[in-house]
Amino acid sequence: MVPLPGPGGITYEGSLEYVFRQARGFLKGELRELERRSPRYVLILEAIARGQNRWELIRDYLAFRGHNVPKSRLAELIRNLEKMSWIEADFSSGRKRYRLIDPVIERVLAER
């Protein structure tokens, strides 16, 4: 641990956790707003955060959670999340995978 200057010997890790707590509160509000648009948006983000990051795996995750989504609708939801800058396509592995743009969002969603 690297102590940061300030009252009470605040540590780097303590400061980082404080930032995550603040971000978590903000993101929960953003996720509630996104969920109002469609609960499927948040489920897609959760799937990606939990490693279900290919189209088929996202579809299966939604089905497991009780949301059987037609292929065209799922494609539209994923495109919308890309347009809103929540996710992006990643081709580095040779297969199309999706990833969350912000690692803080990924951490918050993986903890849900």
PDB file of N, CA and C in Angstrom:
ATOM      1  N   MET A   1       0.836  -1.187   0.000  1.00  0.00           N
ATOM      2  CA  MET A   1       0.000   0.000   0.000  1.00  0.00           C
ATOM      3  C   MET A   1       0.877   1.246   0.000  1.00  0.00           C
ATOM      4  N   VAL A   2       0.482   2.193  -0.787  1.00  0.00           N
ATOM      5  CA  VAL A   2       1.198   3.460  -0.849  1.00  0.00           C
ATOM      6  C   VAL A   2       0.328   4.516  -0.178  1.00  0.00           C
ATOM      7  N   PRO A   3       0.765   5.045   0.977  1.00  0.00           N
ATOM      8  CA  PRO A   3      -0.069   6.053   1.634  1.00  0.00           C
ATOM      9  C   PRO A   3      -0.101   7.341   0.821  1.00  0.00           C
ATOM     10  N   LEU A   4      -1.267   7.909   0.726  1.00  0.00           N
ATOM     11  CA  LEU A   4      -1.426   9.202   0.072  1.00  0.00           C
ATOM     12  C   LEU A   4      -1.414  10.285   1.133  1.00  0.00           C
ATOM     13  N   PRO A   5      -0.923  11.440   0.778  1.00  0.00           N
ATOM     14  CA  PRO A   5      -0.953  12.527   1.760  1.00  0.00           C
ATOM     15  C   PRO A   5      -2.393  12.872   2.124  1.00  0.00           C
ATOM     16  N   GLY A   6      -2.587  13.202   3.329  1.00  0.00           N
ATOM     17  CA  GLY A   6      -3.920  13.611   3.748  1.00  0.00           C
ATOM     18  C   GLY A   6      -4.222  13.134   5.139  1.00  0.00           C
ATOM     19  N   PRO A   7      -5.372  13.520   5.632  1.00  0.00           N
ATOM     20  CA  PRO A   7      -5.740  13.158   6.997  1.00  0.00           C
ATOM     21  C   PRO A   7      -5.962  11.660   7.150  1.00  0.00           C
ATOM     22  N   GLY A   8      -5.447  11.138   8.232  1.00  0.00           N
ATOM     23  CA  GLY A   8      -5.699   9.736   8.567  1.00  0.00           C
ATOM     24  C   GLY A   8      -4.908   8.743   7.746  1.00  0.00           C
ATOM     25  N   GLY A   9      -3.892   9.170   7.014  1.00  0.00           N
ATOM     26  CA  GLY A   9      -3.072   8.237   6.245  1.00  0.00           C
ATOM     27  C   GLY A   9      -3.867   7.476   5.200  1.00  0.00           C
ATOM     28  N   ILE A  10      -4.615   8.150   4.376  1.00  0.00           N
ATOM     29  CA  ILE A  10      -5.426   7.514   3.347  1.00  0.00           C
ATOM     30  C   ILE A  10      -4.515   6.743   2.396  1.00  0.00           C
ATOM     31  N   THR A  11      -4.888   5.506   2.095  1.00  0.00           N
ATOM     32  CA  THR A  11      -4.079   4.670   1.212  1.00  0.00           C
ATOM     33  C   THR A  11      -4.595   4.763  -0.221  1.00  0.00           C
ATOM     34  N   TYR A  12      -3.743   4.362  -1.126  1.00  0.00           N
ATOM     35  CA  TYR A  12      -4.125   4.310  -2.535  1.00  0.00           C
ATOM     36  C   TYR A  12      -5.326   3.388  -2.718  1.00  0.00           C
ATOM     37  N   GLU A  13      -5.258   2.193  -2.099  1.00  0.00           N
ATOM     38  CA  GLU A  13      -6.356   1.232  -2.220  1.00  0.00           C
ATOM     39  C   GLU A  13      -7.644   1.782  -1.628  1.00  0.00           C
ATOM     40  N   GLY A  14      -7.533   2.466  -0.498  1.00  0.00           N
ATOM     41  CA  GLY A  14      -8.721   3.063   0.116  1.00  0.00           C
ATOM     42  C   GLY A  14      -9.319   4.131  -0.769  1.00  0.00           C
ATOM     43  N   SER A  15      -8.474   4.922  -1.385  1.00  0.00           N
ATOM     44  CA  SER A  15      -8.956   5.963  -2.293  1.00  0.00           C
ATOM     45  C   SER A  15      -9.616   5.351  -3.518  1.00  0.00           C
ATOM     46  N   LEU A  16      -9.012   4.302  -4.039  1.00  0.00           N
ATOM     47  CA  LEU A  16      -9.566   3.633  -5.210  1.00  0.00           C
ATOM     48  C   LEU A  16     -10.926   3.023  -4.883  1.00  0.00           C
ATOM     49  N   GLU A  17     -11.042   2.400  -3.732  1.00  0.00           N
ATOM     50  CA  GLU A  17     -12.331   1.813  -3.331  1.00  0.00           C
ATOM     51  C   GLU A  17     -13.384   2.898  -3.153  1.00  0.00           C
ATOM     52  N   TYR A  18     -12.985   4.046  -2.628  1.00  0.00           N
ATOM     53  CA  TYR A  18     -13.922   5.166  -2.486  1.00  0.00           C
ATOM     54  C   TYR A  18     -14.433   5.601  -3.859  1.00  0.00           C
ATOM     55  N   VAL A  19     -13.544   5.687  -4.828  1.00  0.00           N
ATOM     56  CA  VAL A  19     -13.941   6.081  -6.182  1.00  0.00           C
ATOM     57  C   VAL A  19     -14.907   5.050  -6.761  1.00  0.00           C
ATOM     58  N   PHE A  20     -14.625   3.758  -6.556  1.00  0.00           N
ATOM     59  CA  PHE A  20     -15.530   2.712  -7.045  1.00  0.00           C
ATOM     60  C   PHE A  20     -16.898   2.801  -6.380  1.00  0.00           C
ATOM     61  N   ARG A  21     -16.942   3.094  -5.088  1.00  0.00           N
ATOM     62  CA  ARG A  21     -18.242   3.239  -4.410  1.00  0.00           C
ATOM     63  C   ARG A  21     -19.041   4.390  -5.005  1.00  0.00           C
ATOM     64  N   GLN A  22     -18.372   5.499  -5.264  1.00  0.00           N
ATOM     65  CA  GLN A  22     -19.039   6.656  -5.866  1.00  0.00           C
ATOM     66  C   GLN A  22     -19.521   6.312  -7.269  1.00  0.00           C
ATOM     67  N   ALA A  23     -18.666   5.673  -8.053  1.00  0.00           N
ATOM     68  CA  ALA A  23     -19.029   5.293  -9.419  1.00  0.00           C
ATOM     69  C   ALA A  23     -20.178   4.292  -9.408  1.00  0.00           C
ATOM     70  N   ARG A  24     -20.147   3.351  -8.460  1.00  0.00           N
ATOM     71  CA  ARG A  24     -21.203   2.348  -8.345  1.00  0.00           C
ATOM     72  C   ARG A  24     -22.556   3.021  -8.122  1.00  0.00           C
ATOM     73  N   GLY A  25     -22.603   4.022  -7.243  1.00  0.00           N
ATOM     74  CA  GLY A  25     -23.851   4.743  -7.001  1.00  0.00           C
ATOM     75  C   GLY A  25     -24.346   5.458  -8.243  1.00  0.00           C
ATOM     76  N   PHE A  26     -23.445   6.115  -8.948  1.00  0.00           N
ATOM     77  CA  PHE A  26     -23.815   6.806 -10.177  1.00  0.00           C
ATOM     78  C   PHE A  26     -24.298   5.819 -11.232  1.00  0.00           C
ATOM     79  N   LEU A  27     -23.568   4.715 -11.405  1.00  0.00           N
ATOM     80  CA  LEU A  27     -23.915   3.732 -12.427  1.00  0.00           C
ATOM     81  C   LEU A  27     -25.234   3.041 -12.143  1.00  0.00           C
ATOM     82  N   LYS A  28     -25.536   2.809 -10.894  1.00  0.00           N
ATOM     83  CA  LYS A  28     -26.819   2.189 -10.568  1.00  0.00           C
ATOM     84  C   LYS A  28     -27.966   3.050 -11.064  1.00  0.00           C
ATOM     85  N   GLY A  29     -27.831   4.363 -10.935  1.00  0.00           N
ATOM     86  CA  GLY A  29     -28.850   5.268 -11.467  1.00  0.00           C
ATOM     87  C   GLY A  29     -28.924   5.198 -12.979  1.00  0.00           C
ATOM     88  N   GLU A  30     -27.763   5.163 -13.636  1.00  0.00           N
ATOM     89  CA  GLU A  30     -27.722   5.057 -15.097  1.00  0.00           C
ATOM     90  C   GLU A  30     -28.319   3.734 -15.570  1.00  0.00           C
ATOM     91  N   LEU A  31     -28.032   2.656 -14.839  1.00  0.00           N
ATOM     92  CA  LEU A  31     -28.564   1.352 -15.217  1.00  0.00           C
ATOM     93  C   LEU A  31     -30.075   1.280 -15.019  1.00  0.00           C
ATOM     94  N   ARG A  32     -30.571   1.924 -13.968  1.00  0.00           N
ATOM     95  CA  ARG A  32     -32.032   1.970 -13.777  1.00  0.00           C
ATOM     96  C   ARG A  32     -32.699   2.688 -14.946  1.00  0.00           C
ATOM     97  N   GLU A  33     -32.090   3.781 -15.387  1.00  0.00           N
ATOM     98  CA  GLU A  33     -32.636   4.526 -16.529  1.00  0.00           C
ATOM     99  C   GLU A  33     -32.595   3.669 -17.795  1.00  0.00           C
ATOM    100  N   LEU A  34     -31.498   2.973 -18.008  1.00  0.00           N
ATOM    101  CA  LEU A  34     -31.378   2.099 -19.169  1.00  0.00           C
ATOM    102  C   LEU A  34     -32.396   0.963 -19.094  1.00  0.00           C
ATOM    103  N   GLU A  35     -32.611   0.447 -17.900  1.00  0.00           N
ATOM    104  CA  GLU A  35     -33.560  -0.648 -17.698  1.00  0.00           C
ATOM    105  C   GLU A  35     -34.994  -0.205 -17.990  1.00  0.00           C
ATOM    106  N   ARG A  36     -35.290   1.063 -17.745  1.00  0.00           N
ATOM    107  CA  ARG A  36     -36.626   1.582 -18.086  1.00  0.00           C
ATOM    108  C   ARG A  36     -36.874   1.516 -19.592  1.00  0.00           C
ATOM    109  N   ARG A  37     -35.816   1.718 -20.361  1.00  0.00           N
ATOM    110  CA  ARG A  37     -35.945   1.642 -21.814  1.00  0.00           C
ATOM    111  C   ARG A  37     -36.189   0.204 -22.250  1.00  0.00           C
ATOM    112  N   SER A  38     -35.446  -0.712 -21.650  1.00  0.00           N
ATOM    113  CA  SER A  38     -35.643  -2.150 -21.880  1.00  0.00           C
ATOM    114  C   SER A  38     -34.819  -2.910 -20.853  1.00  0.00           C
ATOM    115  N   PRO A  39     -35.469  -3.794 -20.085  1.00  0.00           N
ATOM    116  CA  PRO A  39     -34.723  -4.593 -19.110  1.00  0.00           C
ATOM    117  C   PRO A  39     -33.670  -5.467 -19.791  1.00  0.00           C
ATOM    118  N   ARG A  40     -33.858  -5.735 -21.057  1.00  0.00           N
ATOM    119  CA  ARG A  40     -32.913  -6.573 -21.790  1.00  0.00           C
ATOM    120  C   ARG A  40     -31.554  -5.896 -21.951  1.00  0.00           C
ATOM    121  N   TYR A  41     -31.526  -4.581 -22.008  1.00  0.00           N
ATOM    122  CA  TYR A  41     -30.246  -3.883 -22.114  1.00  0.00           C
ATOM    123  C   TYR A  41     -29.320  -4.254 -20.957  1.00  0.00           C
ATOM    124  N   VAL A  42     -29.845  -4.188 -19.757  1.00  0.00           N
ATOM    125  CA  VAL A  42     -29.020  -4.477 -18.578  1.00  0.00           C
ATOM    126  C   VAL A  42     -28.623  -5.949 -18.554  1.00  0.00           C
ATOM    127  N   LEU A  43     -29.510  -6.825 -18.967  1.00  0.00           N
ATOM    128  CA  LEU A  43     -29.166  -8.246 -19.020  1.00  0.00           C
ATOM    129  C   LEU A  43     -28.039  -8.505 -20.021  1.00  0.00           C
ATOM    130  N   ILE A  44     -28.065  -7.818 -21.141  1.00  0.00           N
ATOM    131  CA  ILE A  44     -26.990  -7.961 -22.131  1.00  0.00           C
ATOM    132  C   ILE A  44     -25.669  -7.481 -21.535  1.00  0.00           C
ATOM    133  N   LEU A  45     -25.705  -6.343 -20.859  1.00  0.00           N
ATOM    134  CA  LEU A  45     -24.492  -5.829 -20.229  1.00  0.00           C
ATOM    135  C   LEU A  45     -23.985  -6.782 -19.158  1.00  0.00           C
ATOM    136  N   GLU A  46     -24.882  -7.340 -18.362  1.00  0.00           N
ATOM    137  CA  GLU A  46     -24.485  -8.322 -17.345  1.00  0.00           C
ATOM    138  C   GLU A  46     -23.841  -9.539 -17.991  1.00  0.00           C
ATOM    139  N   ALA A  47     -24.441 -10.015 -19.071  1.00  0.00           N
ATOM    140  CA  ALA A  47     -23.894 -11.183 -19.765  1.00  0.00           C
ATOM    141  C   ALA A  47     -22.453 -10.926 -20.192  1.00  0.00           C
ATOM    142  N   ILE A  48     -22.224  -9.781 -20.798  1.00  0.00           N
ATOM    143  CA  ILE A  48     -20.883  -9.448 -21.271  1.00  0.00           C
ATOM    144  C   ILE A  48     -19.917  -9.317 -20.097  1.00  0.00           C
ATOM    145  N   ALA A  49     -20.363  -8.680 -19.023  1.00  0.00           N
ATOM    146  CA  ALA A  49     -19.513  -8.515 -17.840  1.00  0.00           C
ATOM    147  C   ALA A  49     -19.136  -9.861 -17.231  1.00  0.00           C
ATOM    148  N   ARG A  50     -19.981 -10.858 -17.407  1.00  0.00           N
ATOM    149  CA  ARG A  50     -19.730 -12.186 -16.840  1.00  0.00           C
ATOM    150  C   ARG A  50     -19.072 -13.143 -17.825  1.00  0.00           C
ATOM    151  N   GLY A  51     -18.578 -12.590 -18.940  1.00  0.00           N
ATOM    152  CA  GLY A  51     -17.839 -13.405 -19.892  1.00  0.00           C
ATOM    153  C   GLY A  51     -18.668 -14.021 -21.000  1.00  0.00           C
ATOM    154  N   GLN A  52     -19.958 -13.789 -20.999  1.00  0.00           N
ATOM    155  CA  GLN A  52     -20.827 -14.291 -22.064  1.00  0.00           C
ATOM    156  C   GLN A  52     -20.830 -13.235 -23.169  1.00  0.00           C
ATOM    157  N   ASN A  53     -19.728 -13.133 -23.884  1.00  0.00           N
ATOM    158  CA  ASN A  53     -19.495 -11.970 -24.729  1.00  0.00           C
ATOM    159  C   ASN A  53     -19.638 -12.210 -26.233  1.00  0.00           C
ATOM    160  N   ARG A  54     -20.087 -13.395 -26.630  1.00  0.00           N
ATOM    161  CA  ARG A  54     -20.389 -13.648 -28.037  1.00  0.00           C
ATOM    162  C   ARG A  54     -21.898 -13.630 -28.223  1.00  0.00           C
ATOM    163  N   TRP A  55     -22.332 -13.359 -29.438  1.00  0.00           N
ATOM    164  CA  TRP A  55     -23.757 -13.199 -29.730  1.00  0.00           C
ATOM    165  C   TRP A  55     -24.562 -14.386 -29.215  1.00  0.00           C
ATOM    166  N   GLU A  56     -24.104 -15.597 -29.516  1.00  0.00           N
ATOM    167  CA  GLU A  56     -24.836 -16.805 -29.118  1.00  0.00           C
ATOM    168  C   GLU A  56     -24.906 -16.935 -27.595  1.00  0.00           C
ATOM    169  N   LEU A  57     -23.807 -16.594 -26.935  1.00  0.00           N
ATOM    170  CA  LEU A  57     -23.770 -16.689 -25.472  1.00  0.00           C
ATOM    171  C   LEU A  57     -24.690 -15.645 -24.829  1.00  0.00           C
ATOM    172  N   ILE A  58     -24.735 -14.471 -25.426  1.00  0.00           N
ATOM    173  CA  ILE A  58     -25.654 -13.425 -24.924  1.00  0.00           C
ATOM    174  C   ILE A  58     -27.093 -13.905 -25.081  1.00  0.00           C
ATOM    175  N   ARG A  59     -27.412 -14.464 -26.247  1.00  0.00           N
ATOM    176  CA  ARG A  59     -28.761 -14.984 -26.489  1.00  0.00           C
ATOM    177  C   ARG A  59     -29.117 -16.060 -25.465  1.00  0.00           C
ATOM    178  N   ASP A  60     -28.177 -16.974 -25.204  1.00  0.00           N
ATOM    179  CA  ASP A  60     -28.420 -18.041 -24.234  1.00  0.00           C
ATOM    180  C   ASP A  60     -28.582 -17.488 -22.819  1.00  0.00           C
ATOM    181  N   TYR A  61     -27.796 -16.485 -22.471  1.00  0.00           N
ATOM    182  CA  TYR A  61     -27.898 -15.854 -21.157  1.00  0.00           C
ATOM    183  C   TYR A  61     -29.287 -15.241 -20.975  1.00  0.00           C
ATOM    184  N   LEU A  62     -29.754 -14.532 -22.001  1.00  0.00           N
ATOM    185  CA  LEU A  62     -31.087 -13.932 -21.925  1.00  0.00           C
ATOM    186  C   LEU A  62     -32.162 -15.011 -21.793  1.00  0.00           C
ATOM    187  N   ALA A  63     -32.043 -16.086 -22.563  1.00  0.00           N
ATOM    188  CA  ALA A  63     -33.020 -17.175 -22.492  1.00  0.00           C
ATOM    189  C   ALA A  63     -33.024 -17.803 -21.102  1.00  0.00           C
ATOM    190  N   PHE A  64     -31.839 -18.013 -20.543  1.00  0.00           N
ATOM    191  CA  PHE A  64     -31.724 -18.570 -19.199  1.00  0.00           C
ATOM    192  C   PHE A  64     -32.419 -17.679 -18.180  1.00  0.00           C
ATOM    193  N   ARG A  65     -32.361 -16.364 -18.402  1.00  0.00           N
ATOM    194  CA  ARG A  65     -32.990 -15.406 -17.494  1.00  0.00           C
ATOM    195  C   ARG A  65     -34.466 -15.164 -17.841  1.00  0.00           C
ATOM    196  N   GLY A  66     -35.015 -15.962 -18.769  1.00  0.00           N
ATOM    197  CA  GLY A  66     -36.443 -15.881 -19.086  1.00  0.00           C
ATOM    198  C   GLY A  66     -36.811 -14.898 -20.173  1.00  0.00           C
ATOM    199  N   HIS A  67     -35.851 -14.484 -20.975  1.00  0.00           N
ATOM    200  CA  HIS A  67     -36.103 -13.527 -22.051  1.00  0.00           C
ATOM    201  C   HIS A  67     -35.720 -14.157 -23.391  1.00  0.00           C
ATOM    202  N   ASN A  68     -36.661 -14.838 -24.003  1.00  0.00           N
ATOM    203  CA  ASN A  68     -36.422 -15.379 -25.343  1.00  0.00           C
ATOM    204  C   ASN A  68     -36.615 -14.239 -26.332  1.00  0.00           C
ATOM    205  N   VAL A  69     -35.532 -13.839 -26.951  1.00  0.00           N
ATOM    206  CA  VAL A  69     -35.524 -12.662 -27.813  1.00  0.00           C
ATOM    207  C   VAL A  69     -35.306 -13.113 -29.251  1.00  0.00           C
ATOM    208  N   PRO A  70     -36.152 -12.655 -30.173  1.00  0.00           N
ATOM    209  CA  PRO A  70     -35.900 -12.971 -31.587  1.00  0.00           C
ATOM    210  C   PRO A  70     -34.534 -12.442 -32.025  1.00  0.00           C
ATOM    211  N   LYS A  71     -33.915 -13.142 -32.970  1.00  0.00           N
ATOM    212  CA  LYS A  71     -32.575 -12.781 -33.429  1.00  0.00           C
ATOM    213  C   LYS A  71     -32.497 -11.326 -33.872  1.00  0.00           C
ATOM    214  N   SER A  72     -33.480 -10.881 -34.628  1.00  0.00           N
ATOM    215  CA  SER A  72     -33.437  -9.505 -35.138  1.00  0.00           C
ATOM    216  C   SER A  72     -33.518  -8.490 -34.002  1.00  0.00           C
ATOM    217  N   ARG A  73     -34.318  -8.791 -32.989  1.00  0.00           N
ATOM    218  CA  ARG A  73     -34.439  -7.872 -31.847  1.00  0.00           C
ATOM    219  C   ARG A  73     -33.155  -7.842 -31.041  1.00  0.00           C
ATOM    220  N   LEU A  74     -32.526  -8.998 -30.834  1.00  0.00           N
ATOM    221  CA  LEU A  74     -31.266  -9.036 -30.096  1.00  0.00           C
ATOM    222  C   LEU A  74     -30.192  -8.251 -30.841  1.00  0.00           C
ATOM    223  N   ALA A  75     -30.137  -8.422 -32.144  1.00  0.00           N
ATOM    224  CA  ALA A  75     -29.170  -7.662 -32.943  1.00  0.00           C
ATOM    225  C   ALA A  75     -29.406  -6.164 -32.789  1.00  0.00           C
ATOM    226  N   GLU A  76     -30.663  -5.762 -32.782  1.00  0.00           N
ATOM    227  CA  GLU A  76     -31.002  -4.344 -32.614  1.00  0.00           C
ATOM    228  C   GLU A  76     -30.594  -3.833 -31.227  1.00  0.00           C
ATOM    229  N   LEU A  77     -30.852  -4.610 -30.195  1.00  0.00           N
ATOM    230  CA  LEU A  77     -30.483  -4.212 -28.836  1.00  0.00           C
ATOM    231  C   LEU A  77     -28.964  -4.050 -28.711  1.00  0.00           C
ATOM    232  N   ILE A  78     -28.222  -4.984 -29.278  1.00  0.00           N
ATOM    233  CA  ILE A  78     -26.766  -4.907 -29.224  1.00  0.00           C
ATOM    234  C   ILE A  78     -26.267  -3.690 -29.996  1.00  0.00           C
ATOM    235  N   ARG A  79     -26.835  -3.461 -31.191  1.00  0.00           N
ATOM    236  CA  ARG A  79     -26.449  -2.259 -31.966  1.00  0.00           C
ATOM    237  C   ARG A  79     -26.726  -0.991 -31.182  1.00  0.00           C
ATOM    238  N   ASN A  80     -27.866  -0.938 -30.505  1.00  0.00           N
ATOM    239  CA  ASN A  80     -28.209   0.247 -29.708  1.00  0.00           C
ATOM    240  C   ASN A  80     -27.204   0.465 -28.581  1.00  0.00           C
ATOM    241  N   LEU A  81     -26.802  -0.607 -27.911  1.00  0.00           N
ATOM    242  CA  LEU A  81     -25.804  -0.474 -26.844  1.00  0.00           C
ATOM    243  C   LEU A  81     -24.468   0.010 -27.398  1.00  0.00           C
ATOM    244  N   GLU A  82     -24.141  -0.422 -28.615  1.00  0.00           N
ATOM    245  CA  GLU A  82     -22.919   0.073 -29.256  1.00  0.00           C
ATOM    246  C   GLU A  82     -23.050   1.565 -29.571  1.00  0.00           C
ATOM    247  N   LYS A  83     -24.184   1.968 -30.106  1.00  0.00           N
ATOM    248  CA  LYS A  83     -24.409   3.382 -30.437  1.00  0.00           C
ATOM    249  C   LYS A  83     -24.386   4.262 -29.195  1.00  0.00           C
ATOM    250  N   MET A  84     -24.870   3.706 -28.070  1.00  0.00           N
ATOM    251  CA  MET A  84     -24.890   4.465 -26.816  1.00  0.00           C
ATOM    252  C   MET A  84     -23.532   4.405 -26.099  1.00  0.00           C
ATOM    253  N   SER A  85     -22.572   3.727 -26.697  1.00  0.00           N
ATOM    254  CA  SER A  85     -21.205   3.605 -26.171  1.00  0.00           C
ATOM    255  C   SER A  85     -21.117   2.847 -24.851  1.00  0.00           C
ATOM    256  N   TRP A  86     -21.974   1.863 -24.665  1.00  0.00           N
ATOM    257  CA  TRP A  86     -21.857   0.972 -23.517  1.00  0.00           C
ATOM    258  C   TRP A  86     -20.917  -0.175 -23.848  1.00  0.00           C
ATOM    259  N   ILE A  87     -20.981  -0.647 -25.105  1.00  0.00           N
ATOM    260  CA  ILE A  87     -20.183  -1.792 -25.521  1.00  0.00           C
ATOM    261  C   ILE A  87     -19.534  -1.503 -26.871  1.00  0.00           C
ATOM    262  N   GLU A  88     -18.569  -2.368 -27.216  1.00  0.00           N
ATOM    263  CA  GLU A  88     -17.983  -2.310 -28.548  1.00  0.00           C
ATOM    264  C   GLU A  88     -17.618  -3.714 -28.977  1.00  0.00           C
ATOM    265  N   ALA A  89     -17.574  -3.918 -30.287  1.00  0.00           N
ATOM    266  CA  ALA A  89     -17.180  -5.207 -30.831  1.00  0.00           C
ATOM    267  C   ALA A  89     -15.655  -5.309 -30.792  1.00  0.00           C
ATOM    268  N   ASP A  90     -15.179  -6.515 -30.502  1.00  0.00           N
ATOM    269  CA  ASP A  90     -13.744  -6.783 -30.422  1.00  0.00           C
ATOM    270  C   ASP A  90     -13.456  -8.001 -31.309  1.00  0.00           C
ATOM    271  N   PHE A  91     -12.575  -7.829 -32.277  1.00  0.00           N
ATOM    272  CA  PHE A  91     -12.243  -8.905 -33.208  1.00  0.00           C
ATOM    273  C   PHE A  91     -10.840  -9.465 -32.972  1.00  0.00           C
ATOM    274  N   SER A  92     -10.190  -9.082 -31.882  1.00  0.00           N
ATOM    275  CA  SER A  92      -8.793  -9.453 -31.654  1.00  0.00           C
ATOM    276  C   SER A  92      -8.582 -10.958 -31.529  1.00  0.00           C
ATOM    277  N   SER A  93      -9.586 -11.699 -31.128  1.00  0.00           N
ATOM    278  CA  SER A  93      -9.438 -13.146 -30.963  1.00  0.00           C
ATOM    279  C   SER A  93      -9.769 -13.908 -32.243  1.00  0.00           C
ATOM    280  N   GLY A  94     -10.121 -13.188 -33.307  1.00  0.00           N
ATOM    281  CA  GLY A  94     -10.513 -13.843 -34.545  1.00  0.00           C
ATOM    282  C   GLY A  94     -12.001 -14.099 -34.629  1.00  0.00           C
ATOM    283  N   ARG A  95     -12.685 -13.943 -33.527  1.00  0.00           N
ATOM    284  CA  ARG A  95     -14.154 -14.066 -33.477  1.00  0.00           C
ATOM    285  C   ARG A  95     -14.714 -12.777 -32.932  1.00  0.00           C
ATOM    286  N   LYS A  96     -15.903 -12.443 -33.365  1.00  0.00           N
ATOM    287  CA  LYS A  96     -16.532 -11.227 -32.871  1.00  0.00           C
ATOM    288  C   LYS A  96     -16.999 -11.452 -31.442  1.00  0.00           C
ATOM    289  N   ARG A  97     -16.477 -10.635 -30.568  1.00  0.00           N
ATOM    290  CA  ARG A  97     -16.867 -10.643 -29.160  1.00  0.00           C
ATOM    291  C   ARG A  97     -17.211  -9.213 -28.786  1.00  0.00           C
ATOM    292  N   TYR A  98     -17.996  -9.072 -27.771  1.00  0.00           N
ATOM    293  CA  TYR A  98     -18.352  -7.740 -27.293  1.00  0.00           C
ATOM    294  C   TYR A  98     -17.665  -7.505 -25.965  1.00  0.00           C
ATOM    295  N   ARG A  99     -17.350  -6.255 -25.724  1.00  0.00           N
ATOM    296  CA  ARG A  99     -16.750  -5.905 -24.435  1.00  0.00           C
ATOM    297  C   ARG A  99     -17.338  -4.589 -23.972  1.00  0.00           C
ATOM    298  N   LEU A 100     -17.396  -4.451 -22.667  1.00  0.00           N
ATOM    299  CA  LEU A 100     -17.845  -3.198 -22.079  1.00  0.00           C
ATOM    300  C   LEU A 100     -16.743  -2.167 -22.251  1.00  0.00           C
ATOM    301  N   ILE A 101     -17.124  -0.969 -22.571  1.00  0.00           N
ATOM    302  CA  ILE A 101     -16.138   0.078 -22.826  1.00  0.00           C
ATOM    303  C   ILE A 101     -15.441   0.508 -21.547  1.00  0.00           C
ATOM    304  N   ASP A 102     -16.162   0.526 -20.446  1.00  0.00           N
ATOM    305  CA  ASP A 102     -15.608   1.030 -19.187  1.00  0.00           C
ATOM    306  C   ASP A 102     -15.409  -0.114 -18.198  1.00  0.00           C
ATOM    307  N   PRO A 103     -14.180  -0.321 -17.707  1.00  0.00           N
ATOM    308  CA  PRO A 103     -13.937  -1.411 -16.751  1.00  0.00           C
ATOM    309  C   PRO A 103     -14.670  -1.218 -15.418  1.00  0.00           C
ATOM    310  N   VAL A 104     -14.983   0.004 -15.061  1.00  0.00           N
ATOM    311  CA  VAL A 104     -15.753   0.242 -13.834  1.00  0.00           C
ATOM    312  C   VAL A 104     -17.162  -0.319 -14.004  1.00  0.00           C
ATOM    313  N   ILE A 105     -17.754  -0.096 -15.161  1.00  0.00           N
ATOM    314  CA  ILE A 105     -19.087  -0.636 -15.450  1.00  0.00           C
ATOM    315  C   ILE A 105     -19.033  -2.158 -15.393  1.00  0.00           C
ATOM    316  N   GLU A 106     -17.986  -2.727 -15.958  1.00  0.00           N
ATOM    317  CA  GLU A 106     -17.835  -4.186 -15.943  1.00  0.00           C
ATOM    318  C   GLU A 106     -17.798  -4.718 -14.514  1.00  0.00           C
ATOM    319  N   ARG A 107     -17.040  -4.067 -13.665  1.00  0.00           N
ATOM    320  CA  ARG A 107     -16.928  -4.498 -12.265  1.00  0.00           C
ATOM    321  C   ARG A 107     -18.267  -4.384 -11.544  1.00  0.00           C
ATOM    322  N   VAL A 108     -18.966  -3.293 -11.732  1.00  0.00           N
ATOM    323  CA  VAL A 108     -20.263  -3.084 -11.080  1.00  0.00           C
ATOM    324  C   VAL A 108     -21.267  -4.136 -11.551  1.00  0.00           C
ATOM    325  N   LEU A 109     -21.318  -4.397 -12.851  1.00  0.00           N
ATOM    326  CA  LEU A 109     -22.262  -5.374 -13.382  1.00  0.00           C
ATOM    327  C   LEU A 109     -21.921  -6.803 -12.973  1.00  0.00           C
ATOM    328  N   ALA A 110     -20.644  -7.119 -12.910  1.00  0.00           N
ATOM    329  CA  ALA A 110     -20.242  -8.467 -12.513  1.00  0.00           C
ATOM    330  C   ALA A 110     -20.613  -8.742 -11.047  1.00  0.00           C
ATOM    331  N   GLU A 111     -20.729  -7.687 -10.245  1.00  0.00           N
ATOM    332  CA  GLU A 111     -21.076  -7.838  -8.834  1.00  0.00           C
ATOM    333  C   GLU A 111     -22.583  -7.952  -8.601  1.00  0.00           C
ATOM    334  N   ARG A 112     -23.388  -7.669  -9.616  1.00  0.00           N
ATOM    335  CA  ARG A 112     -24.849  -7.708  -9.448  1.00  0.00           C
ATOM    336  C   ARG A 112     -25.353  -9.097  -9.213  1.00  0.00           C
TER     337      ARG A 112
END
